[in-house]
Amino acid sequence: MRATDIFNKLSYLQYVFMLVSGYFYFLFIQSLMNQAIDWSELNNVLVFVGLAISISTLQDTTKTQNNLSRKVWESPRNGKIFLFVLTITTLLVISLGLVGFLNSAENIHKEISIGLVVFGIGLIGLLKTAIEMFENHRKDKNP
């Protein structure tokens, strides 16, 4: 078994982390309904989603998962649009997290900001993987 096969299999752990984040999201929504908002649950959601995204980047970038991703990555136009949107999103999430962390006086705001930074770090990994997917699958360079 090759190293890429092992890492590709490890990338399926992303679903476990997404389930954990879903649990924390459920707790956060439940706290909203009880009008006793527990912001630390939202921080947990952001941290586990960031971890899930980071682990998802271990996948094999020479293969596409479904028809939608194939349509995005094979088209030079769609791929560039997706990469642009992902880049802007990544920059906004990390910037918001850093600004919140550096300018916040309350601990809960700092916690949420750390969650945003972890989520942003996951997005950086996703951006790198997306660039590799685009290079591996675009029709104009790989007929």
N, C-alpha and C. Protein backbone atom coordinates (compact mmCIF):
# COMPACT_ATOMS: atom_id res chain seq x y z
N MET A 1 0.84 -1.18 0.00
CA MET A 1 0.00 0.00 0.00
C MET A 1 0.89 1.25 0.00
N ARG A 2 0.59 2.18 -0.90
CA ARG A 2 1.37 3.42 -1.01
C ARG A 2 0.95 4.43 0.05
N ALA A 3 1.83 5.38 0.32
CA ALA A 3 1.54 6.41 1.31
C ALA A 3 0.31 7.21 0.92
N THR A 4 0.14 7.51 -0.38
CA THR A 4 -1.03 8.28 -0.81
C THR A 4 -2.32 7.51 -0.52
N ASP A 5 -2.28 6.18 -0.63
CA ASP A 5 -3.46 5.39 -0.32
C ASP A 5 -3.80 5.46 1.18
N ILE A 6 -2.76 5.43 2.01
CA ILE A 6 -2.98 5.51 3.45
C ILE A 6 -3.57 6.86 3.83
N PHE A 7 -2.98 7.93 3.29
CA PHE A 7 -3.49 9.27 3.61
C PHE A 7 -4.89 9.48 3.04
N ASN A 8 -5.17 8.91 1.89
CA ASN A 8 -6.51 9.02 1.33
C ASN A 8 -7.53 8.36 2.26
N LYS A 9 -7.16 7.21 2.81
CA LYS A 9 -8.06 6.53 3.75
C LYS A 9 -8.21 7.33 5.05
N LEU A 10 -7.12 7.92 5.51
CA LEU A 10 -7.19 8.76 6.71
C LEU A 10 -8.08 9.98 6.51
N SER A 11 -8.19 10.45 5.28
CA SER A 11 -9.00 11.63 5.01
C SER A 11 -10.48 11.40 5.33
N TYR A 12 -10.88 10.12 5.40
CA TYR A 12 -12.28 9.84 5.74
C TYR A 12 -12.59 10.11 7.21
N LEU A 13 -11.58 10.36 8.02
CA LEU A 13 -11.81 10.79 9.39
C LEU A 13 -12.51 12.15 9.45
N GLN A 14 -12.49 12.87 8.33
CA GLN A 14 -13.18 14.15 8.28
C GLN A 14 -14.64 14.01 8.68
N TYR A 15 -15.25 12.88 8.33
CA TYR A 15 -16.66 12.68 8.63
C TYR A 15 -16.90 12.52 10.12
N VAL A 16 -15.96 11.93 10.82
CA VAL A 16 -16.07 11.80 12.27
C VAL A 16 -16.03 13.19 12.91
N PHE A 17 -15.08 14.01 12.46
CA PHE A 17 -14.97 15.36 13.01
C PHE A 17 -16.19 16.21 12.65
N MET A 18 -16.75 16.00 11.47
CA MET A 18 -17.96 16.73 11.11
C MET A 18 -19.15 16.30 11.99
N LEU A 19 -19.22 15.02 12.32
CA LEU A 19 -20.27 14.55 13.23
C LEU A 19 -20.12 15.18 14.62
N VAL A 20 -18.88 15.25 15.09
CA VAL A 20 -18.63 15.89 16.38
C VAL A 20 -19.03 17.36 16.33
N SER A 21 -18.67 18.04 15.24
CA SER A 21 -19.06 19.46 15.12
C SER A 21 -20.58 19.59 15.03
N GLY A 22 -21.23 18.64 14.38
CA GLY A 22 -22.70 18.65 14.32
C GLY A 22 -23.32 18.51 15.70
N TYR A 23 -22.71 17.69 16.54
CA TYR A 23 -23.17 17.55 17.92
C TYR A 23 -23.07 18.87 18.66
N PHE A 24 -21.92 19.55 18.54
CA PHE A 24 -21.74 20.83 19.21
C PHE A 24 -22.67 21.89 18.62
N TYR A 25 -22.95 21.80 17.32
CA TYR A 25 -23.89 22.73 16.71
C TYR A 25 -25.29 22.50 17.29
N PHE A 26 -25.66 21.24 17.47
CA PHE A 26 -26.94 20.91 18.09
C PHE A 26 -27.02 21.53 19.48
N LEU A 27 -25.95 21.40 20.27
CA LEU A 27 -25.93 21.99 21.61
C LEU A 27 -26.04 23.51 21.55
N PHE A 28 -25.38 24.13 20.56
CA PHE A 28 -25.45 25.58 20.41
C PHE A 28 -26.87 26.01 20.06
N ILE A 29 -27.50 25.32 19.11
CA ILE A 29 -28.88 25.66 18.73
C ILE A 29 -29.82 25.45 19.91
N GLN A 30 -29.59 24.40 20.67
CA GLN A 30 -30.41 24.13 21.84
C GLN A 30 -30.27 25.27 22.86
N SER A 31 -29.05 25.79 23.02
CA SER A 31 -28.86 26.91 23.95
C SER A 31 -29.54 28.18 23.43
N LEU A 32 -29.60 28.34 22.11
CA LEU A 32 -30.32 29.49 21.54
C LEU A 32 -31.81 29.40 21.85
N MET A 33 -32.35 28.21 21.74
CA MET A 33 -33.78 28.02 22.00
C MET A 33 -34.12 28.22 23.47
N ASN A 34 -33.17 27.95 24.36
CA ASN A 34 -33.38 28.13 25.79
C ASN A 34 -33.06 29.56 26.23
N GLN A 35 -32.67 30.41 25.31
CA GLN A 35 -32.29 31.79 25.55
C GLN A 35 -31.16 31.94 26.57
N ALA A 36 -30.36 30.90 26.70
CA ALA A 36 -29.15 30.95 27.52
C ALA A 36 -28.00 30.57 26.58
N ILE A 37 -27.65 31.49 25.70
CA ILE A 37 -26.72 31.19 24.61
C ILE A 37 -25.36 30.79 25.17
N ASP A 38 -24.90 29.61 24.73
CA ASP A 38 -23.59 29.10 25.13
C ASP A 38 -22.64 29.25 23.93
N TRP A 39 -21.92 30.36 23.91
CA TRP A 39 -21.05 30.68 22.79
C TRP A 39 -19.86 29.73 22.69
N SER A 40 -19.50 29.09 23.79
CA SER A 40 -18.39 28.15 23.73
C SER A 40 -18.72 26.96 22.83
N GLU A 41 -20.01 26.62 22.71
CA GLU A 41 -20.41 25.54 21.80
C GLU A 41 -20.16 25.95 20.35
N LEU A 42 -20.38 27.23 20.03
CA LEU A 42 -20.08 27.71 18.68
C LEU A 42 -18.58 27.64 18.41
N ASN A 43 -17.78 27.95 19.41
CA ASN A 43 -16.33 27.82 19.27
C ASN A 43 -15.97 26.37 18.97
N ASN A 44 -16.58 25.44 19.69
CA ASN A 44 -16.32 24.02 19.45
C ASN A 44 -16.69 23.62 18.02
N VAL A 45 -17.79 24.15 17.52
CA VAL A 45 -18.21 23.88 16.14
C VAL A 45 -17.11 24.33 15.18
N LEU A 46 -16.64 25.56 15.36
CA LEU A 46 -15.62 26.10 14.46
C LEU A 46 -14.32 25.29 14.52
N VAL A 47 -13.92 24.89 15.71
CA VAL A 47 -12.68 24.12 15.86
C VAL A 47 -12.80 22.77 15.15
N PHE A 48 -13.91 22.07 15.37
CA PHE A 48 -14.04 20.74 14.78
C PHE A 48 -14.29 20.78 13.28
N VAL A 49 -14.96 21.82 12.79
CA VAL A 49 -15.10 21.97 11.34
C VAL A 49 -13.74 22.27 10.73
N GLY A 50 -12.95 23.12 11.39
CA GLY A 50 -11.59 23.39 10.91
C GLY A 50 -10.73 22.15 10.86
N LEU A 51 -10.84 21.31 11.89
CA LEU A 51 -10.09 20.05 11.90
C LEU A 51 -10.58 19.11 10.79
N ALA A 52 -11.89 19.05 10.60
CA ALA A 52 -12.45 18.19 9.55
C ALA A 52 -11.96 18.63 8.18
N ILE A 53 -11.96 19.92 7.94
CA ILE A 53 -11.48 20.43 6.64
C ILE A 53 -10.00 20.12 6.47
N SER A 54 -9.23 20.30 7.55
CA SER A 54 -7.79 20.01 7.47
C SER A 54 -7.55 18.54 7.13
N ILE A 55 -8.28 17.66 7.77
CA ILE A 55 -8.11 16.22 7.51
C ILE A 55 -8.58 15.87 6.10
N SER A 56 -9.59 16.57 5.62
CA SER A 56 -10.09 16.27 4.26
C SER A 56 -9.03 16.56 3.20
N THR A 57 -8.06 17.40 3.52
CA THR A 57 -7.03 17.74 2.53
C THR A 57 -6.03 16.62 2.32
N LEU A 58 -6.14 15.54 3.09
CA LEU A 58 -5.27 14.38 2.90
C LEU A 58 -5.70 13.52 1.72
N GLN A 59 -6.83 13.84 1.12
CA GLN A 59 -7.37 13.03 0.02
C GLN A 59 -6.47 13.08 -1.22
N ASP A 60 -6.66 12.11 -2.07
CA ASP A 60 -5.90 12.02 -3.32
C ASP A 60 -6.43 13.06 -4.30
N THR A 61 -5.59 14.01 -4.68
CA THR A 61 -6.03 15.10 -5.56
C THR A 61 -6.05 14.71 -7.03
N THR A 62 -5.64 13.48 -7.34
CA THR A 62 -5.69 13.05 -8.74
C THR A 62 -7.05 12.45 -9.09
N LYS A 63 -7.92 12.32 -8.09
CA LYS A 63 -9.25 11.76 -8.32
C LYS A 63 -10.31 12.77 -7.90
N THR A 64 -11.44 12.76 -8.60
CA THR A 64 -12.56 13.59 -8.17
C THR A 64 -13.58 12.71 -7.47
N GLN A 65 -14.32 13.31 -6.56
CA GLN A 65 -15.26 12.55 -5.74
C GLN A 65 -16.62 12.36 -6.43
N ASN A 66 -17.04 13.35 -7.22
CA ASN A 66 -18.37 13.30 -7.80
C ASN A 66 -18.43 14.14 -9.07
N ASN A 67 -19.59 14.12 -9.73
CA ASN A 67 -19.74 14.85 -10.99
C ASN A 67 -19.65 16.36 -10.82
N LEU A 68 -20.15 16.87 -9.71
CA LEU A 68 -20.09 18.32 -9.49
C LEU A 68 -18.64 18.78 -9.40
N SER A 69 -17.83 18.09 -8.61
CA SER A 69 -16.42 18.50 -8.50
C SER A 69 -15.70 18.32 -9.84
N ARG A 70 -16.08 17.31 -10.59
CA ARG A 70 -15.47 17.12 -11.91
C ARG A 70 -15.81 18.32 -12.82
N LYS A 71 -17.06 18.78 -12.79
CA LYS A 71 -17.45 19.93 -13.61
C LYS A 71 -16.72 21.20 -13.20
N VAL A 72 -16.51 21.37 -11.90
CA VAL A 72 -15.80 22.56 -11.42
C VAL A 72 -14.34 22.51 -11.85
N TRP A 73 -13.66 21.39 -11.59
CA TRP A 73 -12.22 21.33 -11.80
C TRP A 73 -11.83 21.14 -13.26
N GLU A 74 -12.67 20.60 -14.08
CA GLU A 74 -12.33 20.44 -15.49
C GLU A 74 -12.48 21.74 -16.26
N SER A 75 -13.31 22.64 -15.79
CA SER A 75 -13.55 23.91 -16.47
C SER A 75 -12.58 24.97 -15.96
N PRO A 76 -11.78 25.55 -16.84
CA PRO A 76 -10.85 26.60 -16.39
C PRO A 76 -11.59 27.78 -15.74
N ARG A 77 -12.73 28.15 -16.29
CA ARG A 77 -13.50 29.28 -15.76
C ARG A 77 -14.07 28.95 -14.38
N ASN A 78 -14.75 27.82 -14.26
CA ASN A 78 -15.35 27.45 -12.98
C ASN A 78 -14.30 27.24 -11.90
N GLY A 79 -13.19 26.61 -12.26
CA GLY A 79 -12.12 26.39 -11.30
C GLY A 79 -11.55 27.69 -10.77
N LYS A 80 -11.32 28.65 -11.66
CA LYS A 80 -10.78 29.94 -11.24
C LYS A 80 -11.76 30.68 -10.35
N ILE A 81 -13.05 30.62 -10.68
CA ILE A 81 -14.07 31.28 -9.84
C ILE A 81 -14.08 30.65 -8.45
N PHE A 82 -14.07 29.32 -8.40
CA PHE A 82 -14.09 28.63 -7.11
C PHE A 82 -12.85 28.97 -6.29
N LEU A 83 -11.68 28.98 -6.92
CA LEU A 83 -10.46 29.32 -6.20
C LEU A 83 -10.49 30.75 -5.69
N PHE A 84 -11.03 31.67 -6.49
CA PHE A 84 -11.14 33.07 -6.07
C PHE A 84 -12.06 33.19 -4.85
N VAL A 85 -13.22 32.57 -4.91
CA VAL A 85 -14.17 32.63 -3.79
C VAL A 85 -13.57 32.00 -2.54
N LEU A 86 -12.91 30.87 -2.70
CA LEU A 86 -12.29 30.20 -1.56
C LEU A 86 -11.16 31.04 -0.96
N THR A 87 -10.39 31.71 -1.80
CA THR A 87 -9.31 32.58 -1.31
C THR A 87 -9.87 33.75 -0.51
N ILE A 88 -10.89 34.40 -1.04
CA ILE A 88 -11.51 35.54 -0.33
C ILE A 88 -12.11 35.08 0.99
N THR A 89 -12.80 33.95 0.95
CA THR A 89 -13.41 33.41 2.17
C THR A 89 -12.35 33.12 3.22
N THR A 90 -11.26 32.50 2.81
CA THR A 90 -10.18 32.15 3.73
C THR A 90 -9.58 33.42 4.35
N LEU A 91 -9.31 34.41 3.52
CA LEU A 91 -8.75 35.66 4.03
C LEU A 91 -9.70 36.36 5.00
N LEU A 92 -10.99 36.37 4.68
CA LEU A 92 -11.97 37.02 5.55
C LEU A 92 -12.09 36.30 6.89
N VAL A 93 -12.14 34.98 6.86
CA VAL A 93 -12.29 34.21 8.11
C VAL A 93 -11.07 34.40 9.00
N ILE A 94 -9.88 34.29 8.44
CA ILE A 94 -8.67 34.46 9.25
C ILE A 94 -8.55 35.90 9.75
N SER A 95 -8.84 36.87 8.89
CA SER A 95 -8.77 38.27 9.31
C SER A 95 -9.75 38.56 10.43
N LEU A 96 -10.97 38.09 10.29
CA LEU A 96 -11.98 38.29 11.33
C LEU A 96 -11.53 37.64 12.64
N GLY A 97 -10.99 36.44 12.55
CA GLY A 97 -10.50 35.76 13.75
C GLY A 97 -9.36 36.50 14.41
N LEU A 98 -8.41 36.96 13.62
CA LEU A 98 -7.26 37.67 14.20
C LEU A 98 -7.65 39.02 14.78
N VAL A 99 -8.48 39.75 14.06
CA VAL A 99 -8.94 41.06 14.57
C VAL A 99 -9.72 40.86 15.87
N GLY A 100 -10.60 39.88 15.87
CA GLY A 100 -11.37 39.61 17.08
C GLY A 100 -10.49 39.19 18.24
N PHE A 101 -9.50 38.38 17.97
CA PHE A 101 -8.60 37.91 19.02
C PHE A 101 -7.77 39.05 19.59
N LEU A 102 -7.25 39.90 18.72
CA LEU A 102 -6.37 40.98 19.17
C LEU A 102 -7.13 42.15 19.80
N ASN A 103 -8.37 42.36 19.40
CA ASN A 103 -9.11 43.53 19.89
C ASN A 103 -10.17 43.22 20.93
N SER A 104 -10.30 41.98 21.31
CA SER A 104 -11.37 41.60 22.23
C SER A 104 -10.90 41.61 23.66
N ALA A 105 -11.78 42.11 24.54
CA ALA A 105 -11.48 42.12 25.96
C ALA A 105 -12.13 40.94 26.68
N GLU A 106 -13.21 40.42 26.11
CA GLU A 106 -13.94 39.34 26.76
C GLU A 106 -13.40 37.98 26.31
N ASN A 107 -13.35 37.05 27.26
CA ASN A 107 -12.81 35.72 26.97
C ASN A 107 -13.62 34.99 25.90
N ILE A 108 -14.93 35.12 25.93
CA ILE A 108 -15.74 34.37 24.98
C ILE A 108 -15.48 34.86 23.55
N HIS A 109 -15.24 36.15 23.39
CA HIS A 109 -14.90 36.68 22.06
C HIS A 109 -13.55 36.14 21.60
N LYS A 110 -12.61 36.03 22.52
CA LYS A 110 -11.31 35.46 22.18
C LYS A 110 -11.46 33.99 21.78
N GLU A 111 -12.31 33.25 22.50
CA GLU A 111 -12.54 31.84 22.16
C GLU A 111 -13.13 31.70 20.77
N ILE A 112 -14.14 32.49 20.46
CA ILE A 112 -14.76 32.43 19.13
C ILE A 112 -13.73 32.80 18.07
N SER A 113 -12.90 33.78 18.37
CA SER A 113 -11.87 34.20 17.43
C SER A 113 -10.86 33.09 17.19
N ILE A 114 -10.49 32.36 18.23
CA ILE A 114 -9.58 31.22 18.06
C ILE A 114 -10.25 30.16 17.19
N GLY A 115 -11.53 29.92 17.41
CA GLY A 115 -12.27 28.99 16.56
C GLY A 115 -12.26 29.42 15.11
N LEU A 116 -12.41 30.73 14.87
CA LEU A 116 -12.37 31.24 13.50
C LEU A 116 -10.98 31.05 12.88
N VAL A 117 -9.94 31.26 13.67
CA VAL A 117 -8.58 31.07 13.15
C VAL A 117 -8.35 29.61 12.80
N VAL A 118 -8.79 28.69 13.66
CA VAL A 118 -8.63 27.25 13.37
C VAL A 118 -9.42 26.89 12.10
N PHE A 119 -10.62 27.42 11.99
CA PHE A 119 -11.41 27.21 10.78
C PHE A 119 -10.68 27.76 9.56
N GLY A 120 -10.09 28.94 9.69
CA GLY A 120 -9.33 29.55 8.60
C GLY A 120 -8.11 28.74 8.21
N ILE A 121 -7.43 28.16 9.20
CA ILE A 121 -6.28 27.31 8.90
C ILE A 121 -6.73 26.09 8.10
N GLY A 122 -7.88 25.54 8.47
CA GLY A 122 -8.44 24.44 7.68
C GLY A 122 -8.72 24.87 6.25
N LEU A 123 -9.21 26.10 6.09
CA LEU A 123 -9.49 26.62 4.75
C LEU A 123 -8.21 26.82 3.94
N ILE A 124 -7.10 27.15 4.61
CA ILE A 124 -5.81 27.27 3.90
C ILE A 124 -5.44 25.92 3.30
N GLY A 125 -5.57 24.87 4.09
CA GLY A 125 -5.29 23.51 3.58
C GLY A 125 -6.22 23.15 2.44
N LEU A 126 -7.50 23.52 2.59
CA LEU A 126 -8.46 23.25 1.53
C LEU A 126 -8.10 24.01 0.26
N LEU A 127 -7.65 25.24 0.41
CA LEU A 127 -7.24 26.04 -0.75
C LEU A 127 -6.07 25.39 -1.48
N LYS A 128 -5.09 24.90 -0.73
CA LYS A 128 -3.96 24.21 -1.36
C LYS A 128 -4.44 22.97 -2.11
N THR A 129 -5.31 22.20 -1.49
CA THR A 129 -5.85 21.00 -2.14
C THR A 129 -6.66 21.38 -3.37
N ALA A 130 -7.43 22.46 -3.28
CA ALA A 130 -8.23 22.91 -4.42
C ALA A 130 -7.34 23.32 -5.58
N ILE A 131 -6.24 23.96 -5.29
CA ILE A 131 -5.30 24.35 -6.35
C ILE A 131 -4.74 23.10 -7.03
N GLU A 132 -4.38 22.09 -6.23
CA GLU A 132 -3.87 20.84 -6.81
C GLU A 132 -4.95 20.14 -7.64
N MET A 133 -6.18 20.15 -7.15
CA MET A 133 -7.28 19.54 -7.91
C MET A 133 -7.44 20.24 -9.25
N PHE A 134 -7.39 21.56 -9.22
CA PHE A 134 -7.54 22.34 -10.45
C PHE A 134 -6.42 22.03 -11.43
N GLU A 135 -5.18 21.95 -10.94
CA GLU A 135 -4.05 21.64 -11.81
C GLU A 135 -4.14 20.23 -12.38
N ASN A 136 -4.65 19.29 -11.60
CA ASN A 136 -4.72 17.90 -12.04
C ASN A 136 -5.87 17.60 -12.99
N HIS A 137 -6.92 18.41 -12.97
CA HIS A 137 -8.13 18.03 -13.71
C HIS A 137 -8.57 18.99 -14.82
N ARG A 138 -8.00 20.15 -14.92
CA ARG A 138 -8.49 21.10 -15.92
C ARG A 138 -8.26 20.58 -17.33
N LYS A 139 -9.28 20.73 -18.16
CA LYS A 139 -9.27 20.18 -19.52
C LYS A 139 -8.31 20.92 -20.46
N ASP A 140 -8.09 22.22 -20.24
CA ASP A 140 -7.24 22.96 -21.16
C ASP A 140 -5.76 22.63 -20.99
N LYS A 141 -5.34 22.09 -19.86
CA LYS A 141 -3.94 21.74 -19.65
C LYS A 141 -3.72 20.23 -19.58
N ASN A 142 -4.77 19.47 -19.32
CA ASN A 142 -4.69 18.01 -19.21
C ASN A 142 -5.77 17.36 -20.08
N PRO A 143 -5.61 17.36 -21.38
CA PRO A 143 -6.68 16.86 -22.26
C PRO A 143 -6.96 15.38 -22.12
